[in-house]
Amino acid sequence: MTADGFASLRLERSGPVARITLSRPAVRNAFDDRLIEELTRAVRQAGDDAAVRVIVLAGDGPSFCAGADIQWMRKAGGYSRAENEADAERMARMLRTIDACPKPAVALAHGAAIGGGVGLVAAADIAIAAEGTVFSLAEVKLGILPSVISPYVLRAIGPRSARDLFLTGDRFDAAEALRIGLVHRVVPSAELEEVGQKKVASLLTSGPEAVAVAKRLIEEVTSQTPDEAMGLTVRTIAERRASAEAKEGLTAFLEKRKPSWAKERET
């Protein structure tokens, strides 16, 4: 166990970037109750850290995340209904913690992302996959289903693709994951870290307050019609225009210099 109390992952900070690496390579970084608790805690810790602006999610060993640890799932089979609901809720809260975190999360998938690993990719704001990565929503093959991860996966791939993948549990490759919207980009394995770093660098040129507000706005506006969203969008842009961050951004643009939040990265 590390000094900060993590046994199943590593939380490392480099300037404004927090990197969370799932570290159960012997079981392909599969989820159990400890990893779920630690990942929830690590994301909250990074989200609450004023110095952190971007979170990177990665995995040790040959795979990003193989979903649920089969031994943990077997143990859960003997739980009462109340225990099973509490167990599932912990997983649901972990994903929601990532989704609602004010700091953008970038997932770097490699090897395999199965079941809950697909949910982790879908919950991240930006997902990049290495060529050769295998994906699957294989729960139906075990007589269960991707229920807890479904809000994030459905948002990413839509109900039509979900009809196929939820019901068959078929494996699909990174190119298909890109086509259906699960990931944003597919790159050669050797370039995964470099491309991830470039995406992080791009995020660090954006106003941190604006990024957090944009995340909330996307969620709120998605479920509304233009008429329903009008009040929210008008109010939000008016508030942002009056913010110190927006004033600094506009001044920096007019003065042809980098804004203060971008300069911080250079120091």
Protein backbone atom coordinates (compact mmCIF):
# COMPACT_ATOMS: atom_id res chain seq x y z
CA MET A 1 0.00 0.00 0.00
CA THR A 2 1.29 3.44 -0.92
CA ALA A 3 1.76 6.24 1.59
CA ASP A 4 -1.52 7.83 0.50
CA GLY A 5 -3.47 4.64 1.26
CA PHE A 6 -3.87 3.13 -2.22
CA ALA A 7 -3.17 -0.55 -2.82
CA SER A 8 -4.84 -1.14 -6.20
CA LEU A 9 -3.84 2.02 -8.07
CA ARG A 10 -1.26 4.77 -8.19
CA LEU A 11 -2.10 8.45 -7.92
CA GLU A 12 0.74 10.61 -9.22
CA ARG A 13 0.81 14.35 -9.76
CA SER A 14 2.99 16.23 -12.21
CA GLY A 15 2.21 19.92 -12.03
CA PRO A 16 -1.46 20.38 -12.94
CA VAL A 17 -1.88 16.78 -14.13
CA ALA A 18 -3.02 13.92 -11.89
CA ARG A 19 -2.42 10.46 -13.33
CA ILE A 20 -4.44 7.59 -11.90
CA THR A 21 -3.10 4.20 -12.97
CA LEU A 22 -5.07 1.06 -12.21
CA SER A 23 -2.50 -1.34 -10.79
CA ARG A 24 -3.82 -4.89 -10.61
CA PRO A 25 -1.97 -6.24 -13.66
CA ALA A 26 -2.19 -9.87 -12.51
CA VAL A 27 -5.97 -9.72 -13.10
CA ARG A 28 -5.78 -7.22 -15.99
CA ASN A 29 -6.84 -4.38 -13.67
CA ALA A 30 -10.24 -5.94 -13.04
CA PHE A 31 -12.54 -4.19 -10.58
CA ASP A 32 -13.16 -5.43 -7.09
CA ASP A 33 -14.58 -3.59 -4.10
CA ARG A 34 -11.19 -2.19 -3.10
CA LEU A 35 -10.32 -0.83 -6.57
CA ILE A 36 -13.76 0.74 -6.87
CA GLU A 37 -13.37 2.47 -3.51
CA GLU A 38 -9.84 3.61 -4.26
CA LEU A 39 -10.66 4.93 -7.73
CA THR A 40 -13.61 6.88 -6.33
CA ARG A 41 -11.38 8.34 -3.64
CA ALA A 42 -8.52 9.13 -6.03
CA VAL A 43 -10.78 10.99 -8.47
CA ARG A 44 -12.39 12.95 -5.65
CA GLN A 45 -8.98 13.82 -4.27
CA ALA A 46 -7.78 15.04 -7.66
CA GLY A 47 -11.04 16.89 -8.26
CA ASP A 48 -10.76 18.70 -4.94
CA ASP A 49 -7.11 19.64 -5.48
CA ALA A 50 -7.05 23.24 -6.72
CA ALA A 51 -3.67 22.64 -8.35
CA VAL A 52 -4.96 19.78 -10.52
CA ARG A 53 -6.53 20.68 -13.86
CA VAL A 54 -6.56 17.39 -15.80
CA ILE A 55 -6.90 13.74 -14.79
CA VAL A 56 -5.39 10.90 -16.84
CA LEU A 57 -6.78 7.37 -16.42
CA ALA A 58 -4.49 4.51 -17.43
CA GLY A 59 -3.77 0.88 -16.61
CA ASP A 60 -0.69 -1.14 -15.70
CA GLY A 61 0.30 -4.25 -17.61
CA PRO A 62 -1.17 -5.67 -20.81
CA SER A 63 -4.72 -4.34 -20.40
CA PHE A 64 -6.53 -1.15 -19.49
CA CYS A 65 -9.32 -2.83 -17.51
CA ALA A 66 -10.89 -6.28 -17.83
CA GLY A 67 -14.13 -5.35 -16.10
CA ALA A 68 -15.22 -7.10 -12.93
CA ASP A 69 -12.92 -9.49 -11.10
CA ILE A 70 -14.56 -12.88 -11.55
CA GLN A 71 -13.75 -13.92 -7.97
CA TRP A 72 -15.40 -10.77 -6.67
CA MET A 73 -18.44 -11.42 -8.87
CA ARG A 74 -18.66 -15.01 -7.61
CA LYS A 75 -18.63 -13.73 -4.03
CA ALA A 76 -21.34 -11.20 -4.88
CA GLY A 77 -23.51 -14.08 -6.08
CA GLY A 78 -23.97 -15.03 -2.44
CA TYR A 79 -24.93 -11.55 -1.29
CA SER A 80 -28.42 -10.62 -0.23
CA ARG A 81 -30.38 -8.31 -2.53
CA ALA A 82 -29.64 -5.36 -0.27
CA GLU A 83 -25.93 -6.19 -0.28
CA ASN A 84 -25.91 -6.53 -4.06
CA GLU A 85 -27.65 -3.20 -4.49
CA ALA A 86 -25.17 -1.50 -2.17
CA ASP A 87 -22.29 -3.11 -4.06
CA ALA A 88 -23.66 -1.98 -7.43
CA GLU A 89 -24.27 1.51 -6.09
CA ARG A 90 -20.60 1.84 -5.16
CA MET A 91 -19.69 1.12 -8.78
CA ALA A 92 -22.34 3.56 -10.00
CA ARG A 93 -21.03 6.29 -7.70
CA MET A 94 -17.48 5.69 -8.89
CA LEU A 95 -18.50 6.27 -12.51
CA ARG A 96 -20.58 9.30 -11.58
CA THR A 97 -17.64 10.74 -9.64
CA ILE A 98 -15.55 10.62 -12.82
CA ASP A 99 -18.40 11.93 -14.96
CA ALA A 100 -19.23 14.85 -12.66
CA CYS A 101 -15.66 15.76 -11.71
CA PRO A 102 -14.98 19.43 -12.56
CA LYS A 103 -11.57 18.40 -13.92
CA PRO A 104 -11.60 16.75 -17.39
CA ALA A 105 -10.59 13.08 -17.45
CA VAL A 106 -8.62 11.56 -20.34
CA ALA A 107 -8.72 7.75 -20.63
CA LEU A 108 -5.84 5.98 -22.36
CA ALA A 109 -7.09 2.50 -23.28
CA HIS A 110 -4.82 -0.32 -24.39
CA GLY A 111 -4.93 -4.09 -24.59
CA ALA A 112 -8.50 -4.71 -23.51
CA ALA A 113 -11.41 -2.78 -22.05
CA ILE A 114 -14.14 -5.21 -21.08
CA GLY A 115 -17.46 -4.60 -19.29
CA GLY A 116 -16.74 -2.09 -16.56
CA GLY A 117 -13.60 -1.11 -18.46
CA VAL A 118 -15.85 0.07 -21.30
CA GLY A 119 -17.85 2.00 -18.70
CA LEU A 120 -14.67 3.67 -17.49
CA VAL A 121 -13.78 4.71 -21.06
CA ALA A 122 -17.31 6.04 -21.61
CA ALA A 123 -17.37 8.00 -18.34
CA ALA A 124 -14.15 9.83 -19.23
CA ASP A 125 -14.45 13.13 -21.07
CA ILE A 126 -11.94 12.16 -23.73
CA ALA A 127 -10.95 8.61 -24.68
CA ILE A 128 -7.97 7.57 -26.78
CA ALA A 129 -7.35 3.93 -27.68
CA ALA A 130 -4.28 2.13 -28.91
CA GLU A 131 -4.58 0.11 -32.07
CA GLY A 132 -5.24 -3.51 -31.18
CA THR A 133 -7.34 -2.68 -28.12
CA VAL A 134 -10.25 -5.11 -27.74
CA PHE A 135 -13.58 -3.97 -26.33
CA SER A 136 -16.58 -5.99 -25.19
CA LEU A 137 -19.76 -5.62 -23.19
CA ALA A 138 -19.57 -9.30 -22.33
CA GLU A 139 -21.86 -9.35 -19.31
CA VAL A 140 -24.65 -11.22 -21.12
CA LYS A 141 -22.26 -14.11 -21.69
CA LEU A 142 -22.30 -14.56 -17.91
CA GLY A 143 -26.04 -14.14 -17.57
CA ILE A 144 -25.81 -10.58 -16.25
CA LEU A 145 -25.88 -7.24 -18.06
CA PRO A 146 -24.05 -3.88 -18.31
CA SER A 147 -26.63 -2.11 -16.19
CA VAL A 148 -24.60 0.26 -14.00
CA ILE A 149 -22.38 1.41 -16.86
CA SER A 150 -25.28 1.79 -19.29
CA PRO A 151 -25.93 5.55 -18.81
CA TYR A 152 -22.39 6.37 -19.90
CA VAL A 153 -22.07 3.76 -22.64
CA LEU A 154 -25.47 4.65 -24.12
CA ARG A 155 -24.55 8.31 -24.11
CA ALA A 156 -21.38 7.47 -26.02
CA ILE A 157 -22.59 4.92 -28.58
CA GLY A 158 -26.35 5.46 -28.76
CA PRO A 159 -29.17 2.91 -28.39
CA ARG A 160 -28.82 1.36 -31.86
CA SER A 161 -25.23 0.20 -31.36
CA ALA A 162 -26.13 -0.81 -27.82
CA ARG A 163 -28.84 -3.15 -29.15
CA ASP A 164 -26.12 -5.11 -30.89
CA LEU A 165 -23.34 -4.95 -28.31
CA PHE A 166 -25.39 -5.27 -25.10
CA LEU A 167 -27.33 -8.26 -26.42
CA THR A 168 -24.54 -10.22 -28.10
CA GLY A 169 -21.56 -9.37 -25.91
CA ASP A 170 -19.48 -9.56 -29.08
CA ARG A 171 -15.95 -8.25 -29.05
CA PHE A 172 -15.09 -5.26 -31.23
CA ASP A 173 -11.86 -3.54 -32.13
CA ALA A 174 -10.60 -0.01 -31.68
CA ALA A 175 -11.66 1.02 -35.17
CA GLU A 176 -15.24 0.01 -34.41
CA ALA A 177 -15.05 1.76 -31.03
CA LEU A 178 -14.10 4.92 -32.92
CA ARG A 179 -16.86 4.47 -35.49
CA ILE A 180 -19.62 4.14 -32.88
CA GLY A 181 -18.33 6.98 -30.72
CA LEU A 182 -16.92 5.13 -27.73
CA VAL A 183 -13.45 6.61 -28.25
CA HIS A 184 -12.36 9.85 -29.88
CA ARG A 185 -9.16 8.67 -31.49
CA VAL A 186 -7.21 5.49 -32.27
CA VAL A 187 -3.41 5.64 -32.45
CA PRO A 188 -0.51 3.18 -32.75
CA SER A 189 0.34 1.63 -29.38
CA ALA A 190 3.76 3.28 -29.33
CA GLU A 191 2.12 6.71 -29.67
CA LEU A 192 -0.62 6.36 -27.04
CA GLU A 193 1.24 8.24 -24.29
CA GLU A 194 2.49 10.95 -26.65
CA VAL A 195 -0.96 11.60 -28.10
CA GLY A 196 -2.41 11.57 -24.59
CA GLN A 197 0.12 14.17 -23.49
CA LYS A 198 -0.77 16.38 -26.45
CA LYS A 199 -4.45 16.19 -25.53
CA VAL A 200 -3.61 17.09 -21.94
CA ALA A 201 -1.51 20.02 -23.17
CA SER A 202 -4.45 21.23 -25.23
CA LEU A 203 -6.78 21.04 -22.22
CA LEU A 204 -4.31 23.09 -20.20
CA THR A 205 -4.65 25.99 -22.65
CA SER A 206 -8.38 26.22 -21.80
CA GLY A 207 -9.68 28.28 -18.90
CA PRO A 208 -10.14 25.85 -15.98
CA GLU A 209 -13.34 27.47 -14.77
CA ALA A 210 -14.77 27.48 -18.29
CA VAL A 211 -13.94 23.77 -18.66
CA ALA A 212 -15.81 22.91 -15.46
CA VAL A 213 -18.84 24.99 -16.50
CA ALA A 214 -18.76 23.47 -20.01
CA LYS A 215 -18.94 19.96 -18.53
CA ARG A 216 -22.06 20.88 -16.57
CA LEU A 217 -23.59 22.72 -19.52
CA ILE A 218 -23.22 19.72 -21.83
CA GLU A 219 -25.05 17.47 -19.37
CA GLU A 220 -27.85 19.93 -18.69
CA VAL A 221 -28.46 21.04 -22.28
CA THR A 222 -28.33 17.55 -23.82
CA SER A 223 -31.68 16.57 -22.35
CA GLN A 224 -33.44 19.84 -23.29
CA THR A 225 -34.93 21.34 -26.43
CA PRO A 226 -33.47 24.66 -27.65
CA ASP A 227 -36.44 26.52 -26.14
CA GLU A 228 -36.05 24.73 -22.80
CA ALA A 229 -32.31 25.38 -22.75
CA MET A 230 -32.51 29.05 -23.72
CA GLY A 231 -32.70 30.43 -20.19
CA LEU A 232 -29.82 28.30 -18.99
CA THR A 233 -27.57 29.08 -21.95
CA VAL A 234 -28.24 32.83 -21.80
CA ARG A 235 -27.64 32.93 -18.05
CA THR A 236 -24.48 30.83 -18.31
CA ILE A 237 -22.77 32.92 -20.99
CA ALA A 238 -23.70 36.16 -19.20
CA GLU A 239 -22.08 34.85 -16.02
CA ARG A 240 -18.98 33.71 -17.87
CA ARG A 241 -18.56 37.01 -19.71
CA ALA A 242 -18.51 38.82 -16.38
CA SER A 243 -16.00 36.41 -14.80
CA ALA A 244 -12.40 37.33 -14.03
CA GLU A 245 -11.25 34.35 -16.09
CA ALA A 246 -13.10 35.56 -19.20
CA LYS A 247 -11.74 39.07 -18.77
CA GLU A 248 -8.22 37.69 -18.54
CA GLY A 249 -8.77 35.51 -21.61
CA LEU A 250 -10.07 38.38 -23.72
CA THR A 251 -7.34 40.76 -22.53
CA ALA A 252 -4.67 38.17 -23.29
CA PHE A 253 -6.10 37.66 -26.78
CA LEU A 254 -6.10 41.40 -27.50
CA GLU A 255 -2.58 41.79 -26.12
CA LYS A 256 -1.41 38.79 -28.15
CA ARG A 257 -0.12 36.89 -25.14
CA LYS A 258 -0.99 33.67 -23.38
CA PRO A 259 -3.58 33.88 -20.60
CA SER A 260 -2.42 33.34 -17.03
CA TRP A 261 -3.63 29.73 -16.84
CA ALA A 262 -1.54 28.80 -19.89
CA LYS A 263 1.53 30.59 -18.52
CA GLU A 264 1.30 28.53 -15.34
CA ARG A 265 2.10 25.40 -17.37
CA GLU A 266 5.37 26.94 -18.56
CA THR A 267 6.69 27.60 -15.07
